């Protein structure tokens, strides 16, 4: 009786630790995608300027993504879906805010003349938003299917 109780607790503790590790990894992955990889690709490849973010804010964002990931993976999948959706929406909001909602202006000096240029990147950001929403919906259905098993 005591042995089965101890083994039952160790299985529960193992499952809790596994869910926490999965949540931390999920949060770090969201942080890498929304805060590091996508802004890096858009600034380096497409040469799009972005708003600079201080290190403390970046740490808060990382902590927030990790917290949402741990909460999402630790509670029942049907409720955890809500936290996954919130994390994706916050990541999208972060992208839209640092890229000025897809519109930016710059001035270029050509042959001694100052030329003002305005760019609208709404389609590119809508494409990123569409892929993010699609992956969030797929993740939602995956969690629903796993909760029914």
Foldseek 3Di string as FASTA:
>chain_A
DVVVVVVVVVVVVVLLVVLLVQLLVQLVVLLCVLPNDVVVCCCPVVVQAWDDDDPVVSVVSSVLSSVLSSVLSNDQVLVSLVSLVVNLVVSLVVNCRGRVNQKDKDWDADPNDIDIDIGGGNVVSVVVNVVSVVVSVVVSVVSVVVNVD
